[in-house]
Amino acid sequence: MSTGQRFEIFEDKAGEWRWRLVAANGNIIADSGEGYSSKQGAKRGIQSVKRGAADAAVEVLED
């Protein structure tokens, strides 16, 4: 079953590869935050997020 969310991989103006996670409504809900030297590096970044995010702790930071 698809959630409508998708990862997009793209090349930025500096020639680096980046990824972003796009919600079903088209809003960007996460991005790589850094450029990768190869498309494969961006794909590895996505796989890392997929593996680790489900079990990630949630920390609420107070001012």
Protein backbone atom coordinates (compact mmCIF):
# COMPACT_ATOMS: atom_id res chain seq x y z
CA MET A 1 0.00 0.00 0.00
CA SER A 2 1.47 3.34 -1.03
CA THR A 3 1.32 6.33 1.30
CA GLY A 4 1.73 8.77 -1.55
CA GLN A 5 5.05 9.86 -0.10
CA ARG A 6 8.10 9.64 -2.31
CA PHE A 7 11.82 10.27 -2.23
CA GLU A 8 13.18 12.44 -5.04
CA ILE A 9 16.86 12.52 -6.05
CA PHE A 10 18.08 15.53 -7.98
CA GLU A 11 21.24 17.37 -8.98
CA ASP A 12 21.58 20.87 -7.51
CA LYS A 13 23.08 23.97 -9.14
CA ALA A 14 26.51 23.13 -7.70
CA GLY A 15 26.47 19.72 -9.38
CA GLU A 16 25.89 17.80 -6.14
CA TRP A 17 23.22 15.14 -5.66
CA ARG A 18 20.52 15.62 -3.03
CA TRP A 19 17.37 13.86 -1.90
CA ARG A 20 14.09 15.10 -0.49
CA LEU A 21 11.06 13.32 0.96
CA VAL A 22 7.82 14.67 -0.50
CA ALA A 23 4.41 14.15 1.15
CA ALA A 24 1.33 13.11 -0.81
CA ASN A 25 0.21 16.76 -0.91
CA GLY A 26 3.51 17.84 -2.53
CA ASN A 27 5.07 19.42 0.57
CA ILE A 28 8.72 18.66 1.25
CA ILE A 29 8.88 17.06 4.70
CA ALA A 30 12.59 16.17 4.84
CA ASP A 31 15.74 16.67 2.81
CA SER A 32 19.34 15.51 2.75
CA GLY A 33 20.69 18.74 4.22
CA GLU A 34 23.92 18.10 2.35
CA GLY A 35 25.03 17.41 -1.17
CA TYR A 36 26.55 14.10 -2.29
CA SER A 37 29.21 13.74 -4.94
CA SER A 38 27.29 10.94 -6.66
CA LYS A 39 23.73 9.83 -7.25
CA GLN A 40 24.64 6.56 -5.54
CA GLY A 41 25.69 8.50 -2.43
CA ALA A 42 22.27 10.15 -2.31
CA LYS A 43 20.62 6.73 -2.66
CA ARG A 44 22.72 5.43 0.26
CA GLY A 45 21.58 8.43 2.31
CA ILE A 46 17.94 7.54 1.64
CA GLN A 47 18.55 3.93 2.67
CA SER A 48 20.18 5.11 5.89
CA VAL A 49 17.13 7.23 6.74
CA LYS A 50 14.76 4.37 5.92
CA ARG A 51 16.69 1.98 8.18
CA GLY A 52 17.10 4.30 11.14
CA ALA A 53 14.03 6.52 11.24
CA ALA A 54 11.50 3.95 12.42
CA ASP A 55 13.39 3.34 15.66
CA ALA A 56 14.69 6.87 16.20
CA ALA A 57 14.06 8.46 19.57
CA VAL A 58 12.08 11.70 19.77
CA GLU A 59 13.62 14.44 21.91
CA VAL A 60 11.69 17.56 22.83
CA LEU A 61 14.10 20.45 23.32
CA GLU A 62 12.94 23.27 25.53
CA ASP A 63 14.29 26.83 25.45
